[in-house]
Amino acid sequence: NPLQSLLSSMKHACEILTSEPEGGAAPIPFETFSFLYLYLASIDGEIPEDETEAFLQKIKEEADKQSGMVLIRHF
């Protein structure tokens, strides 16, 4: 499943890029998350653009509640 694979990659990216201790919520800025997600989705090419945009909008709404940070539990 391309989406599951992409989300798994994003989880690893959050864990790598966060400044929080290992095993936590692994927050990263929405801008970073969005950039990586769009980049990886474009490489994959199997996830429709409207799904990508809808997913990022949902994530942004959650991030806005967390001072602009995306947490792994958001996805």
Protein backbone atom coordinates (compact mmCIF):
# COMPACT_ATOMS: atom_id res chain seq x y z
CA ASN A 1 0.00 0.00 0.00
CA PRO A 2 1.68 3.24 -1.15
CA LEU A 3 0.01 5.40 1.52
CA GLN A 4 1.02 3.09 4.38
CA SER A 5 4.58 3.04 3.06
CA LEU A 6 4.63 6.84 2.84
CA LEU A 7 3.25 7.23 6.36
CA SER A 8 5.86 4.80 7.67
CA SER A 9 8.56 6.90 5.99
CA MET A 10 7.09 10.06 7.54
CA LYS A 11 7.10 8.46 11.00
CA HIS A 12 10.80 7.69 10.61
CA ALA A 13 11.46 11.22 9.34
CA CYS A 14 9.75 12.71 12.40
CA GLU A 15 11.79 10.49 14.71
CA ILE A 16 15.02 11.52 12.94
CA LEU A 17 14.27 15.25 12.73
CA THR A 18 12.70 15.90 16.13
CA SER A 19 14.66 17.54 18.90
CA GLU A 20 12.65 15.61 21.51
CA PRO A 21 13.96 12.51 23.31
CA GLU A 22 13.57 9.13 21.61
CA GLY A 23 10.26 7.39 22.17
CA GLY A 24 8.22 10.59 22.48
CA ALA A 25 5.70 12.27 20.20
CA ALA A 26 8.53 13.28 17.79
CA PRO A 27 7.16 16.74 16.93
CA ILE A 28 8.44 18.51 13.83
CA PRO A 29 7.26 21.80 12.28
CA PHE A 30 4.32 21.49 9.89
CA GLU A 31 6.34 23.20 7.15
CA THR A 32 9.02 20.49 7.36
CA PHE A 33 6.42 17.71 7.46
CA SER A 34 4.53 19.17 4.50
CA PHE A 35 7.69 19.61 2.41
CA LEU A 36 8.80 16.02 3.01
CA TYR A 37 5.33 14.55 2.52
CA LEU A 38 4.80 16.34 -0.79
CA TYR A 39 8.28 15.38 -1.97
CA LEU A 40 7.86 11.69 -1.12
CA ALA A 41 4.31 11.60 -2.52
CA SER A 42 5.53 13.08 -5.81
CA ILE A 43 8.29 10.47 -6.07
CA ASP A 44 5.81 7.67 -5.35
CA GLY A 45 3.35 9.00 -7.92
CA GLU A 46 0.53 6.66 -6.87
CA ILE A 47 -1.24 8.88 -4.36
CA PRO A 48 -3.74 11.26 -6.01
CA GLU A 49 -3.00 14.96 -5.48
CA ASP A 50 -6.45 15.61 -3.98
CA GLU A 51 -5.82 12.94 -1.32
CA THR A 52 -2.42 14.45 -0.57
CA GLU A 53 -3.91 17.93 -0.15
CA ALA A 54 -6.79 16.65 2.01
CA PHE A 55 -4.35 14.74 4.24
CA LEU A 56 -2.09 17.78 4.68
CA GLN A 57 -5.09 19.98 5.52
CA LYS A 58 -6.13 17.52 8.25
CA ILE A 59 -2.58 17.44 9.58
CA LYS A 60 -2.34 21.25 9.53
CA GLU A 61 -5.53 21.55 11.59
CA GLU A 62 -4.00 19.24 14.21
CA ALA A 63 -0.62 21.00 14.07
CA ASP A 64 -2.29 24.38 14.60
CA LYS A 65 -3.50 23.07 17.97
CA GLN A 66 0.13 22.16 18.86
CA SER A 67 1.87 25.47 18.07
CA GLY A 68 2.43 24.43 14.47
CA MET A 69 4.07 21.11 15.32
CA VAL A 70 3.10 17.77 13.77
CA LEU A 71 3.08 14.83 16.18
CA ILE A 72 3.27 11.21 15.05
CA ARG A 73 -0.17 10.54 16.56
CA HIS A 74 -1.66 13.04 14.09
CA PHE A 75 -1.28 10.48 11.34
